């Protein structure tokens, strides 16, 4: 029985870009020395300056690569920490997703207000509800009813609090609410959290966490 012989080609190793550039620099330096004017040769100090300049660039490239690697490792560490947030409920001023269950909000009326109204707008920007909120309430359950008291359809809604004093509107502020976190991911502006309904919020905009 014949035994087939398997031949393997030697593995070619690819030089790092910096090493390849250094080889190119040495070749260029050799050509420069070969073709220099013998009546006016290049000073040795000039060669030293060229070599020092290339060495400085080489070190800067290595430094930039190290900084990029450190930044990537830091980002991964932050993502690993945020992974524990998934499944928790985050409080933020993002829009809310309503699908029948009450939404817990944290109204913060102006300190001089004697009245507060929760103004609810739908995804198209239409005001669908105005609801009085106690000025001393630190937590309030919004049940998702329209002006007639009928349940609103499932969807995304924006909640704002209108503070009043003596019948005049003092200011209108976004309202913070709790929503479950379904995902943590990296976005163009940093790490962002995805809340129920696909609503995205920056991790830095979350003001509180709680167990569901």
N, C-alpha and C. Protein backbone atom coordinates (compact mmCIF):
# COMPACT_ATOMS: atom_id res chain seq x y z
N UNK A 1 0.85 -1.19 0.00
CA UNK A 1 0.00 0.00 0.00
C UNK A 1 0.88 1.23 0.00
N UNK A 2 0.61 2.14 -0.94
CA UNK A 2 1.39 3.35 -1.04
C UNK A 2 0.87 4.39 -0.07
N UNK A 3 1.78 5.12 0.48
CA UNK A 3 1.42 6.20 1.40
C UNK A 3 1.62 7.52 0.69
N UNK A 4 0.54 8.26 0.58
CA UNK A 4 0.63 9.55 -0.12
C UNK A 4 1.41 10.54 0.71
N UNK A 5 2.27 11.23 0.03
CA UNK A 5 3.06 12.25 0.72
C UNK A 5 2.39 13.61 0.55
N UNK A 6 2.20 14.26 1.66
CA UNK A 6 1.56 15.56 1.64
C UNK A 6 2.62 16.62 1.83
N UNK A 7 2.71 17.51 0.90
CA UNK A 7 3.69 18.58 0.99
C UNK A 7 3.00 19.86 1.38
N UNK A 8 3.57 20.57 2.26
CA UNK A 8 2.99 21.84 2.71
C UNK A 8 3.93 22.96 2.35
N UNK A 9 3.35 24.05 1.90
CA UNK A 9 4.14 25.21 1.55
C UNK A 9 4.52 25.96 2.81
N UNK A 10 5.73 26.46 2.88
CA UNK A 10 6.12 27.22 4.07
C UNK A 10 5.24 28.45 4.25
N UNK A 11 4.86 28.66 5.47
CA UNK A 11 4.00 29.79 5.78
C UNK A 11 4.78 31.09 5.68
N UNK A 12 4.25 32.01 4.92
CA UNK A 12 4.90 33.29 4.78
C UNK A 12 4.41 34.24 5.86
N UNK A 13 5.33 34.83 6.54
CA UNK A 13 4.96 35.76 7.60
C UNK A 13 4.95 37.17 7.04
N UNK A 14 3.92 37.89 7.38
CA UNK A 14 3.77 39.26 6.91
C UNK A 14 4.34 40.21 7.94
N UNK A 15 5.20 41.08 7.50
CA UNK A 15 5.79 42.03 8.42
C UNK A 15 4.77 43.08 8.82
N UNK A 16 4.83 43.52 10.07
CA UNK A 16 3.96 44.62 10.47
C UNK A 16 4.21 45.84 9.60
N UNK A 17 3.21 46.71 9.53
CA UNK A 17 3.31 47.88 8.67
C UNK A 17 4.49 48.75 9.06
N UNK A 18 4.74 48.87 10.37
CA UNK A 18 5.83 49.72 10.84
C UNK A 18 7.18 49.16 10.40
N UNK A 19 7.36 47.83 10.51
CA UNK A 19 8.61 47.21 10.08
C UNK A 19 8.80 47.38 8.58
N UNK A 20 7.73 47.22 7.82
CA UNK A 20 7.82 47.38 6.37
C UNK A 20 8.21 48.82 6.03
N UNK A 21 7.62 49.77 6.71
CA UNK A 21 7.96 51.17 6.47
C UNK A 21 9.42 51.44 6.82
N UNK A 22 9.92 50.81 7.87
CA UNK A 22 11.31 51.01 8.27
C UNK A 22 12.25 50.45 7.21
N UNK A 23 11.89 49.29 6.65
CA UNK A 23 12.70 48.71 5.57
C UNK A 23 12.72 49.66 4.37
N UNK A 24 11.55 50.22 4.05
CA UNK A 24 11.49 51.18 2.94
C UNK A 24 12.37 52.39 3.21
N UNK A 25 12.35 52.86 4.47
CA UNK A 25 13.17 54.01 4.84
C UNK A 25 14.65 53.70 4.66
N UNK A 26 15.08 52.49 5.07
CA UNK A 26 16.49 52.13 4.91
C UNK A 26 16.89 52.05 3.44
N UNK A 27 15.98 51.53 2.59
CA UNK A 27 16.27 51.47 1.17
C UNK A 27 16.42 52.86 0.58
N UNK A 28 15.50 53.74 1.00
CA UNK A 28 15.57 55.12 0.50
C UNK A 28 16.86 55.79 0.97
N UNK A 29 17.26 55.52 2.21
CA UNK A 29 18.48 56.11 2.75
C UNK A 29 19.71 55.59 2.00
N UNK A 30 19.68 54.30 1.65
CA UNK A 30 20.79 53.72 0.89
C UNK A 30 20.90 54.35 -0.49
N UNK A 31 19.75 54.51 -1.15
CA UNK A 31 19.74 55.15 -2.47
C UNK A 31 20.25 56.58 -2.37
N UNK A 32 19.84 57.26 -1.31
CA UNK A 32 20.26 58.65 -1.12
C UNK A 32 21.78 58.73 -0.95
N UNK A 33 22.34 57.80 -0.17
CA UNK A 33 23.80 57.80 0.04
C UNK A 33 24.54 57.44 -1.24
N UNK A 34 23.96 56.49 -2.02
CA UNK A 34 24.63 56.06 -3.25
C UNK A 34 24.67 57.16 -4.30
N UNK A 35 23.61 57.95 -4.35
CA UNK A 35 23.49 58.96 -5.40
C UNK A 35 23.84 60.37 -4.94
N UNK A 36 24.46 60.48 -3.79
CA UNK A 36 24.81 61.82 -3.33
C UNK A 36 25.99 62.37 -4.13
N UNK A 37 26.11 63.67 -4.14
CA UNK A 37 27.18 64.35 -4.85
C UNK A 37 28.48 64.15 -4.08
N UNK A 38 29.48 63.46 -4.67
CA UNK A 38 30.73 63.23 -3.93
C UNK A 38 31.46 64.52 -3.58
N UNK A 39 31.19 65.60 -4.35
CA UNK A 39 31.83 66.87 -4.07
C UNK A 39 31.10 67.62 -2.95
N UNK A 40 29.89 67.19 -2.70
CA UNK A 40 29.10 67.86 -1.65
C UNK A 40 28.29 66.80 -0.89
N UNK A 41 28.99 65.91 -0.18
CA UNK A 41 28.28 64.79 0.49
C UNK A 41 27.38 65.29 1.62
N UNK A 42 26.37 64.50 1.86
CA UNK A 42 25.42 64.82 2.93
C UNK A 42 26.11 64.62 4.28
N UNK A 43 25.90 65.58 5.14
CA UNK A 43 26.49 65.49 6.47
C UNK A 43 25.88 64.33 7.26
N UNK A 44 26.71 63.74 8.11
CA UNK A 44 26.20 62.65 8.96
C UNK A 44 25.10 63.11 9.89
N UNK A 45 25.17 64.38 10.29
CA UNK A 45 24.13 64.91 11.18
C UNK A 45 22.77 64.91 10.49
N UNK A 46 22.78 65.14 9.17
CA UNK A 46 21.51 65.13 8.43
C UNK A 46 20.89 63.74 8.43
N UNK A 47 21.76 62.71 8.28
CA UNK A 47 21.25 61.34 8.35
C UNK A 47 20.64 61.06 9.74
N UNK A 48 21.32 61.57 10.75
CA UNK A 48 20.82 61.36 12.12
C UNK A 48 19.47 62.02 12.32
N UNK A 49 19.30 63.22 11.73
CA UNK A 49 18.01 63.92 11.86
C UNK A 49 16.91 63.14 11.16
N UNK A 50 17.22 62.62 9.96
CA UNK A 50 16.21 61.85 9.24
C UNK A 50 15.82 60.60 10.02
N UNK A 51 16.82 59.92 10.57
CA UNK A 51 16.54 58.70 11.33
C UNK A 51 15.74 59.01 12.59
N UNK A 52 16.10 60.12 13.27
CA UNK A 52 15.37 60.50 14.49
C UNK A 52 13.93 60.88 14.16
N UNK A 53 13.73 61.56 13.01
CA UNK A 53 12.37 61.95 12.61
C UNK A 53 11.52 60.72 12.35
N UNK A 54 12.09 59.76 11.61
CA UNK A 54 11.34 58.53 11.34
C UNK A 54 11.04 57.77 12.62
N UNK A 55 12.04 57.72 13.51
CA UNK A 55 11.85 57.01 14.77
C UNK A 55 10.73 57.65 15.59
N UNK A 56 10.68 59.00 15.56
CA UNK A 56 9.62 59.69 16.30
C UNK A 56 8.24 59.37 15.74
N UNK A 57 8.15 59.34 14.41
CA UNK A 57 6.86 58.99 13.78
C UNK A 57 6.47 57.56 14.13
N UNK A 58 7.47 56.66 14.10
CA UNK A 58 7.21 55.26 14.41
C UNK A 58 6.67 55.11 15.83
N UNK A 59 7.29 55.82 16.78
CA UNK A 59 6.85 55.75 18.17
C UNK A 59 5.45 56.34 18.33
N UNK A 60 5.15 57.40 17.58
CA UNK A 60 3.81 58.00 17.66
C UNK A 60 2.75 57.05 17.15
N UNK A 61 3.07 56.33 16.07
CA UNK A 61 2.12 55.34 15.54
C UNK A 61 1.85 54.26 16.58
N UNK A 62 2.93 53.78 17.22
CA UNK A 62 2.76 52.75 18.24
C UNK A 62 1.92 53.28 19.41
N UNK A 63 2.19 54.53 19.81
CA UNK A 63 1.43 55.13 20.92
C UNK A 63 -0.05 55.24 20.57
N UNK A 64 -0.35 55.69 19.35
CA UNK A 64 -1.75 55.82 18.93
C UNK A 64 -2.45 54.47 18.94
N UNK A 65 -1.72 53.42 18.50
CA UNK A 65 -2.32 52.09 18.48
C UNK A 65 -2.61 51.60 19.89
N UNK A 66 -1.66 51.86 20.81
CA UNK A 66 -1.87 51.47 22.21
C UNK A 66 -3.05 52.20 22.82
N UNK A 67 -3.18 53.49 22.52
CA UNK A 67 -4.31 54.26 23.05
C UNK A 67 -5.63 53.73 22.49
N UNK A 68 -5.64 53.38 21.21
CA UNK A 68 -6.85 52.82 20.61
C UNK A 68 -7.23 51.50 21.26
N UNK A 69 -6.20 50.66 21.54
CA UNK A 69 -6.47 49.37 22.19
C UNK A 69 -7.02 49.58 23.60
N UNK A 70 -6.46 50.55 24.33
CA UNK A 70 -6.94 50.84 25.68
C UNK A 70 -8.37 51.36 25.65
N UNK A 71 -8.67 52.20 24.68
CA UNK A 71 -10.03 52.73 24.57
C UNK A 71 -11.02 51.61 24.27
N UNK A 72 -10.63 50.68 23.40
CA UNK A 72 -11.51 49.55 23.06
C UNK A 72 -11.75 48.67 24.28
N UNK A 73 -10.68 48.41 25.07
CA UNK A 73 -10.83 47.60 26.27
C UNK A 73 -11.72 48.29 27.29
N UNK A 74 -11.57 49.62 27.41
CA UNK A 74 -12.41 50.37 28.34
C UNK A 74 -13.87 50.31 27.93
N UNK A 75 -14.11 50.41 26.62
CA UNK A 75 -15.48 50.35 26.13
C UNK A 75 -16.11 49.00 26.42
N UNK A 76 -15.32 47.93 26.21
CA UNK A 76 -15.84 46.60 26.49
C UNK A 76 -16.14 46.43 27.97
N UNK A 77 -15.29 47.01 28.83
CA UNK A 77 -15.54 46.92 30.27
C UNK A 77 -16.83 47.65 30.64
N UNK A 78 -17.04 48.83 30.02
CA UNK A 78 -18.27 49.57 30.30
C UNK A 78 -19.49 48.79 29.83
N UNK A 79 -19.39 48.15 28.66
CA UNK A 79 -20.51 47.36 28.16
C UNK A 79 -20.79 46.18 29.08
N UNK A 80 -19.72 45.57 29.60
CA UNK A 80 -19.91 44.44 30.51
C UNK A 80 -20.63 44.87 31.78
N UNK A 81 -20.30 46.06 32.27
CA UNK A 81 -20.99 46.58 33.45
C UNK A 81 -22.45 46.88 33.16
N UNK A 82 -22.70 47.45 31.97
CA UNK A 82 -24.08 47.80 31.61
C UNK A 82 -24.93 46.57 31.33
N UNK A 83 -24.29 45.43 31.04
CA UNK A 83 -25.06 44.21 30.77
C UNK A 83 -25.93 43.85 31.96
N UNK A 84 -25.47 44.21 33.17
CA UNK A 84 -26.27 43.94 34.36
C UNK A 84 -27.50 44.81 34.48
N UNK A 85 -27.55 45.87 33.65
CA UNK A 85 -28.72 46.75 33.68
C UNK A 85 -29.91 46.14 32.93
N UNK A 86 -29.63 45.26 31.98
CA UNK A 86 -30.71 44.68 31.19
C UNK A 86 -31.66 43.91 32.11
N UNK A 87 -32.95 44.19 31.97
CA UNK A 87 -33.95 43.58 32.83
C UNK A 87 -34.37 44.48 33.98
N UNK A 88 -33.54 45.50 34.28
CA UNK A 88 -33.89 46.46 35.32
C UNK A 88 -34.82 47.53 34.72
N UNK A 89 -35.39 48.36 35.59
CA UNK A 89 -36.20 49.48 35.14
C UNK A 89 -35.41 50.77 35.32
N UNK A 90 -35.30 51.55 34.25
CA UNK A 90 -34.53 52.78 34.27
C UNK A 90 -35.47 53.99 34.29
N UNK A 91 -35.05 55.01 35.05
CA UNK A 91 -35.83 56.25 35.07
C UNK A 91 -35.12 57.30 34.22
N UNK A 92 -35.85 57.87 33.28
CA UNK A 92 -35.29 58.90 32.40
C UNK A 92 -36.42 59.77 31.88
N UNK A 93 -36.04 60.83 31.16
CA UNK A 93 -37.03 61.75 30.59
C UNK A 93 -37.38 61.38 29.15
N UNK A 94 -37.12 60.15 28.76
CA UNK A 94 -37.43 59.70 27.40
C UNK A 94 -38.94 59.51 27.24
N UNK A 95 -39.43 59.48 26.00
CA UNK A 95 -40.84 59.15 25.78
C UNK A 95 -41.17 57.78 26.37
N UNK A 96 -42.45 57.53 26.61
CA UNK A 96 -42.88 56.26 27.21
C UNK A 96 -43.60 55.41 26.17
N UNK A 97 -43.54 54.10 26.40
CA UNK A 97 -44.29 53.17 25.56
C UNK A 97 -45.47 52.66 26.38
N UNK A 98 -46.67 52.96 25.89
CA UNK A 98 -47.88 52.56 26.61
C UNK A 98 -48.58 51.43 25.86
N UNK A 99 -48.91 50.37 26.61
CA UNK A 99 -49.66 49.26 26.01
C UNK A 99 -50.66 48.69 27.00
N UNK A 100 -51.27 49.56 27.80
CA UNK A 100 -52.33 49.14 28.70
C UNK A 100 -51.97 49.17 30.17
N UNK A 101 -50.68 48.98 30.50
CA UNK A 101 -50.27 48.97 31.90
C UNK A 101 -49.93 50.38 32.36
N UNK A 102 -50.18 50.71 33.64
CA UNK A 102 -49.85 52.05 34.15
C UNK A 102 -48.35 52.32 34.05
N UNK A 103 -48.02 53.58 33.82
CA UNK A 103 -46.63 54.02 33.74
C UNK A 103 -46.33 54.89 34.96
N UNK A 104 -45.30 54.52 35.71
CA UNK A 104 -44.92 55.29 36.90
C UNK A 104 -44.05 56.47 36.49
N UNK A 105 -44.49 57.69 36.84
CA UNK A 105 -43.73 58.89 36.49
C UNK A 105 -43.26 59.58 37.77
N UNK A 106 -42.28 60.46 37.61
CA UNK A 106 -41.73 61.21 38.75
C UNK A 106 -41.89 62.70 38.45
N UNK A 107 -43.05 63.26 38.75
CA UNK A 107 -43.27 64.68 38.45
C UNK A 107 -42.45 65.59 39.37
N UNK A 108 -41.91 66.66 38.80
CA UNK A 108 -41.13 67.62 39.57
C UNK A 108 -41.58 69.04 39.20
N UNK A 109 -42.73 69.47 39.77
CA UNK A 109 -43.21 70.82 39.45
C UNK A 109 -42.31 71.89 40.05
N UNK A 110 -42.47 73.11 39.56
CA UNK A 110 -41.71 74.23 40.11
C UNK A 110 -42.04 74.40 41.59
N UNK A 111 -41.06 74.82 42.37
CA UNK A 111 -41.24 74.94 43.83
C UNK A 111 -42.33 75.93 44.19
N UNK A 112 -42.58 76.92 43.36
CA UNK A 112 -43.60 77.94 43.66
C UNK A 112 -44.95 77.63 43.01
N UNK A 113 -45.07 76.46 42.39
CA UNK A 113 -46.31 76.11 41.69
C UNK A 113 -47.41 75.75 42.67
N UNK A 114 -48.63 76.15 42.34
CA UNK A 114 -49.80 75.74 43.12
C UNK A 114 -50.68 74.78 42.32
N UNK A 115 -50.23 74.42 41.13
CA UNK A 115 -50.96 73.47 40.30
C UNK A 115 -50.03 72.87 39.26
N UNK A 116 -50.33 71.64 38.84
CA UNK A 116 -49.49 70.97 37.84
C UNK A 116 -50.38 70.13 36.93
N UNK A 117 -50.09 70.19 35.64
CA UNK A 117 -50.87 69.44 34.65
C UNK A 117 -49.94 68.57 33.83
N UNK A 118 -50.29 67.29 33.71
CA UNK A 118 -49.55 66.37 32.88
C UNK A 118 -50.09 66.47 31.45
N UNK A 119 -49.25 66.90 30.53
CA UNK A 119 -49.64 67.07 29.13
C UNK A 119 -49.07 65.90 28.33
N UNK A 120 -49.96 65.16 27.65
CA UNK A 120 -49.57 63.95 26.92
C UNK A 120 -49.76 64.17 25.43
N UNK A 121 -48.72 63.92 24.65
CA UNK A 121 -48.81 64.01 23.19
C UNK A 121 -48.46 62.67 22.58
N UNK A 122 -49.09 62.35 21.45
CA UNK A 122 -48.80 61.07 20.79
C UNK A 122 -47.60 61.21 19.86
N UNK A 123 -47.33 60.18 19.08
CA UNK A 123 -46.14 60.16 18.23
C UNK A 123 -46.18 61.23 17.14
N UNK A 124 -47.37 61.70 16.78
CA UNK A 124 -47.50 62.73 15.75
C UNK A 124 -47.40 64.14 16.33
N UNK A 125 -47.30 64.25 17.68
CA UNK A 125 -47.22 65.56 18.32
C UNK A 125 -48.56 66.13 18.74
N UNK A 126 -49.63 65.37 18.59
CA UNK A 126 -50.96 65.83 18.95
C UNK A 126 -51.20 65.63 20.44
N UNK A 127 -51.72 66.67 21.12
CA UNK A 127 -52.05 66.56 22.54
C UNK A 127 -53.29 65.68 22.68
N UNK A 128 -53.16 64.58 23.40
CA UNK A 128 -54.27 63.63 23.54
C UNK A 128 -54.84 63.62 24.95
N UNK A 129 -54.14 64.26 25.89
CA UNK A 129 -54.64 64.25 27.27
C UNK A 129 -53.98 65.37 28.07
N UNK A 130 -54.78 65.96 28.99
CA UNK A 130 -54.28 66.90 29.99
C UNK A 130 -54.86 66.44 31.33
N UNK A 131 -53.97 66.16 32.27
CA UNK A 131 -54.37 65.51 33.52
C UNK A 131 -53.73 66.22 34.71
N UNK A 132 -54.56 66.57 35.69
CA UNK A 132 -54.05 67.25 36.88
C UNK A 132 -53.25 66.28 37.75
N UNK A 133 -52.11 66.78 38.24
CA UNK A 133 -51.21 65.98 39.08
C UNK A 133 -50.99 66.72 40.39
N UNK A 134 -51.06 66.06 41.54
CA UNK A 134 -50.78 66.74 42.82
C UNK A 134 -49.38 67.36 42.82
N UNK A 135 -49.29 68.60 43.28
CA UNK A 135 -47.99 69.29 43.24
C UNK A 135 -47.00 68.68 44.24
N UNK A 136 -47.49 67.96 45.23
CA UNK A 136 -46.59 67.38 46.23
C UNK A 136 -46.31 65.90 45.97
N UNK A 137 -46.73 65.38 44.82
CA UNK A 137 -46.52 63.96 44.52
C UNK A 137 -45.10 63.74 44.01
N UNK A 138 -44.42 62.79 44.61
CA UNK A 138 -43.08 62.41 44.13
C UNK A 138 -43.14 61.23 43.16
N UNK A 139 -44.27 60.53 43.18
CA UNK A 139 -44.48 59.41 42.27
C UNK A 139 -45.95 59.40 41.88
N UNK A 140 -46.22 59.14 40.60
CA UNK A 140 -47.59 59.20 40.11
C UNK A 140 -47.78 58.15 39.03
N UNK A 141 -48.91 57.47 39.04
CA UNK A 141 -49.21 56.43 38.05
C UNK A 141 -50.08 57.02 36.95
N UNK A 142 -49.56 57.01 35.73
CA UNK A 142 -50.34 57.46 34.58
C UNK A 142 -50.97 56.24 33.93
N UNK A 143 -52.30 56.24 33.83
CA UNK A 143 -53.03 55.07 33.36
C UNK A 143 -53.31 55.09 31.86
N UNK A 144 -52.87 56.13 31.18
CA UNK A 144 -53.00 56.14 29.72
C UNK A 144 -54.40 56.35 29.21
N UNK A 145 -55.09 57.33 29.78
CA UNK A 145 -56.45 57.66 29.33
C UNK A 145 -56.44 58.97 28.56
N UNK A 146 -57.34 59.09 27.61
CA UNK A 146 -57.44 60.33 26.84
C UNK A 146 -58.31 61.34 27.58
N UNK A 147 -58.64 62.45 26.91
CA UNK A 147 -59.40 63.52 27.56
C UNK A 147 -60.78 63.05 28.00
N UNK A 148 -61.33 62.06 27.32
CA UNK A 148 -62.66 61.54 27.67
C UNK A 148 -62.59 60.41 28.69
N UNK A 149 -61.40 60.03 29.09
CA UNK A 149 -61.25 58.95 30.06
C UNK A 149 -61.14 57.57 29.44
N UNK A 150 -61.12 57.51 28.11
CA UNK A 150 -61.00 56.21 27.42
C UNK A 150 -59.52 55.83 27.26
N UNK A 151 -59.21 54.53 27.30
CA UNK A 151 -57.81 54.09 27.17
C UNK A 151 -57.23 54.51 25.82
N UNK A 152 -56.00 54.96 25.85
CA UNK A 152 -55.30 55.31 24.62
C UNK A 152 -54.79 54.05 23.92
N UNK A 153 -54.64 54.08 22.61
CA UNK A 153 -54.11 52.92 21.90
C UNK A 153 -52.64 52.72 22.23
N UNK A 154 -52.14 51.50 22.10
CA UNK A 154 -50.71 51.25 22.35
C UNK A 154 -49.85 52.12 21.44
N UNK A 155 -48.73 52.58 21.99
CA UNK A 155 -47.83 53.41 21.20
C UNK A 155 -46.91 54.24 22.06
N UNK A 156 -46.15 55.10 21.40
CA UNK A 156 -45.19 55.96 22.08
C UNK A 156 -45.82 57.31 22.38
N UNK A 157 -45.63 57.76 23.62
CA UNK A 157 -46.20 59.04 24.06
C UNK A 157 -45.13 59.86 24.78
N UNK A 158 -45.23 61.17 24.63
CA UNK A 158 -44.34 62.10 25.31
C UNK A 158 -45.10 62.78 26.43
N UNK A 159 -44.49 62.77 27.61
CA UNK A 159 -45.14 63.35 28.79
C UNK A 159 -44.37 64.59 29.23
N UNK A 160 -45.10 65.68 29.47
CA UNK A 160 -44.52 66.91 29.99
C UNK A 160 -45.37 67.44 31.13
N UNK A 161 -44.71 68.11 32.06
CA UNK A 161 -45.41 68.64 33.23
C UNK A 161 -45.46 70.17 33.14
N UNK A 162 -46.67 70.70 33.20
CA UNK A 162 -46.91 72.13 33.13
C UNK A 162 -47.12 72.66 34.55
N UNK A 163 -46.20 73.49 35.03
CA UNK A 163 -46.32 74.06 36.37
C UNK A 163 -47.02 75.41 36.28
N UNK A 164 -47.99 75.62 37.23
CA UNK A 164 -48.76 76.87 37.22
C UNK A 164 -48.72 77.52 38.60
N UNK A 165 -48.91 78.83 38.60
CA UNK A 165 -49.06 79.60 39.84
C UNK A 165 -50.03 80.74 39.57
N UNK A 166 -51.11 80.79 40.36
CA UNK A 166 -52.15 81.82 40.18
C UNK A 166 -52.70 81.81 38.76
N UNK A 167 -52.82 80.62 38.19
CA UNK A 167 -53.39 80.48 36.85
C UNK A 167 -52.43 80.70 35.71
N UNK A 168 -51.23 81.15 35.98
CA UNK A 168 -50.25 81.40 34.92
C UNK A 168 -49.26 80.24 34.84
N UNK A 169 -48.88 79.90 33.63
CA UNK A 169 -47.91 78.82 33.42
C UNK A 169 -46.51 79.33 33.74
N UNK A 170 -45.85 78.66 34.68
CA UNK A 170 -44.48 79.04 35.05
C UNK A 170 -43.47 78.43 34.09
N UNK A 171 -43.63 77.15 33.82
CA UNK A 171 -42.71 76.45 32.93
C UNK A 171 -43.30 75.09 32.58
N UNK A 172 -42.74 74.49 31.52
CA UNK A 172 -43.13 73.14 31.10
C UNK A 172 -41.86 72.30 31.01
N UNK A 173 -41.83 71.18 31.74
CA UNK A 173 -40.63 70.35 31.83
C UNK A 173 -40.91 68.92 31.36
N UNK A 174 -39.88 68.23 30.83
CA UNK A 174 -40.03 66.80 30.54
C UNK A 174 -40.29 66.03 31.84
N UNK A 175 -40.99 64.93 31.72
CA UNK A 175 -41.32 64.12 32.88
C UNK A 175 -40.51 62.83 32.84
N UNK A 176 -39.89 62.51 33.96
CA UNK A 176 -39.16 61.25 34.05
C UNK A 176 -40.12 60.11 34.36
N UNK A 177 -39.83 58.95 33.80
CA UNK A 177 -40.68 57.77 34.02
C UNK A 177 -39.80 56.53 34.03
N UNK A 178 -40.34 55.44 34.57
CA UNK A 178 -39.63 54.16 34.62
C UNK A 178 -40.05 53.28 33.45
N UNK A 179 -39.07 52.59 32.88
CA UNK A 179 -39.35 51.65 31.79
C UNK A 179 -38.31 50.54 31.84
N UNK A 180 -38.69 49.32 31.51
CA UNK A 180 -37.72 48.20 31.53
C UNK A 180 -36.68 48.33 30.43
N UNK A 181 -35.44 47.95 30.75
CA UNK A 181 -34.34 47.96 29.79
C UNK A 181 -34.28 46.61 29.09
N UNK A 182 -34.31 46.63 27.76
CA UNK A 182 -34.27 45.39 26.99
C UNK A 182 -32.92 45.15 26.32
N UNK A 183 -32.09 46.20 26.20
CA UNK A 183 -30.81 46.04 25.50
C UNK A 183 -29.87 47.19 25.86
N UNK A 184 -28.58 46.91 25.87
CA UNK A 184 -27.55 47.94 26.01
C UNK A 184 -26.62 47.81 24.81
N UNK A 185 -26.38 48.92 24.12
CA UNK A 185 -25.56 48.85 22.91
C UNK A 185 -24.79 50.15 22.73
N UNK A 186 -23.82 50.12 21.82
CA UNK A 186 -23.00 51.29 21.55
C UNK A 186 -23.59 52.05 20.37
N UNK A 187 -23.83 53.33 20.57
CA UNK A 187 -24.37 54.18 19.52
C UNK A 187 -23.37 55.24 19.10
N UNK A 188 -23.75 56.13 18.19
CA UNK A 188 -22.82 57.16 17.72
C UNK A 188 -22.41 58.15 18.80
N UNK A 189 -23.24 58.30 19.84
CA UNK A 189 -22.95 59.24 20.92
C UNK A 189 -22.54 58.53 22.21
N UNK A 190 -22.15 57.27 22.11
CA UNK A 190 -21.75 56.52 23.30
C UNK A 190 -22.71 55.38 23.56
N UNK A 191 -22.65 54.84 24.77
CA UNK A 191 -23.49 53.70 25.13
C UNK A 191 -24.93 54.18 25.31
N UNK A 192 -25.85 53.47 24.72
CA UNK A 192 -27.26 53.80 24.86
C UNK A 192 -28.05 52.56 25.28
N UNK A 193 -29.15 52.81 25.96
CA UNK A 193 -30.02 51.74 26.43
C UNK A 193 -31.30 51.74 25.61
N UNK A 194 -31.80 50.56 25.32
CA UNK A 194 -33.05 50.42 24.59
C UNK A 194 -34.13 50.02 25.59
N UNK A 195 -35.14 50.85 25.70
CA UNK A 195 -36.24 50.60 26.63
C UNK A 195 -37.38 49.90 25.90
N UNK A 196 -38.36 49.51 26.67
CA UNK A 196 -39.52 48.84 26.07
C UNK A 196 -40.11 49.69 24.95
N UNK A 197 -40.46 49.04 23.86
CA UNK A 197 -41.00 49.75 22.71
C UNK A 197 -39.94 50.26 21.76
N UNK A 198 -38.66 49.91 22.02
CA UNK A 198 -37.59 50.34 21.13
C UNK A 198 -37.14 51.77 21.35
N UNK A 199 -37.50 52.35 22.48
CA UNK A 199 -37.12 53.73 22.78
C UNK A 199 -35.68 53.76 23.27
N UNK A 200 -34.83 54.56 22.62
CA UNK A 200 -33.40 54.65 22.96
C UNK A 200 -33.15 55.83 23.87
N UNK A 201 -32.27 55.63 24.85
CA UNK A 201 -31.89 56.69 25.77
C UNK A 201 -30.41 56.53 26.10
N UNK A 202 -29.68 57.64 26.22
CA UNK A 202 -28.27 57.56 26.59
C UNK A 202 -28.15 57.02 28.01
N UNK A 203 -27.10 56.21 28.24
CA UNK A 203 -26.88 55.67 29.57
C UNK A 203 -26.63 56.79 30.58
N UNK A 204 -26.02 57.88 30.12
CA UNK A 204 -25.75 59.01 31.01
C UNK A 204 -27.00 59.79 31.39
N UNK A 205 -28.10 59.57 30.67
CA UNK A 205 -29.35 60.28 30.97
C UNK A 205 -30.23 59.53 31.96
N UNK A 206 -29.82 58.32 32.35
CA UNK A 206 -30.58 57.55 33.33
C UNK A 206 -30.29 58.09 34.72
N UNK A 207 -31.35 58.43 35.46
CA UNK A 207 -31.18 59.03 36.79
C UNK A 207 -31.43 58.06 37.93
N UNK A 208 -32.01 56.90 37.63
CA UNK A 208 -32.27 55.91 38.70
C UNK A 208 -32.53 54.55 38.08
N UNK A 209 -32.24 53.51 38.87
CA UNK A 209 -32.53 52.13 38.47
C UNK A 209 -33.31 51.46 39.60
N UNK A 210 -34.16 50.53 39.21
CA UNK A 210 -34.88 49.75 40.23
C UNK A 210 -35.21 48.37 39.67
N UNK A 211 -35.43 47.44 40.58
CA UNK A 211 -35.83 46.09 40.16
C UNK A 211 -37.27 46.13 39.65
N UNK A 212 -37.58 45.34 38.65
CA UNK A 212 -38.95 45.35 38.11
C UNK A 212 -39.95 44.79 39.10
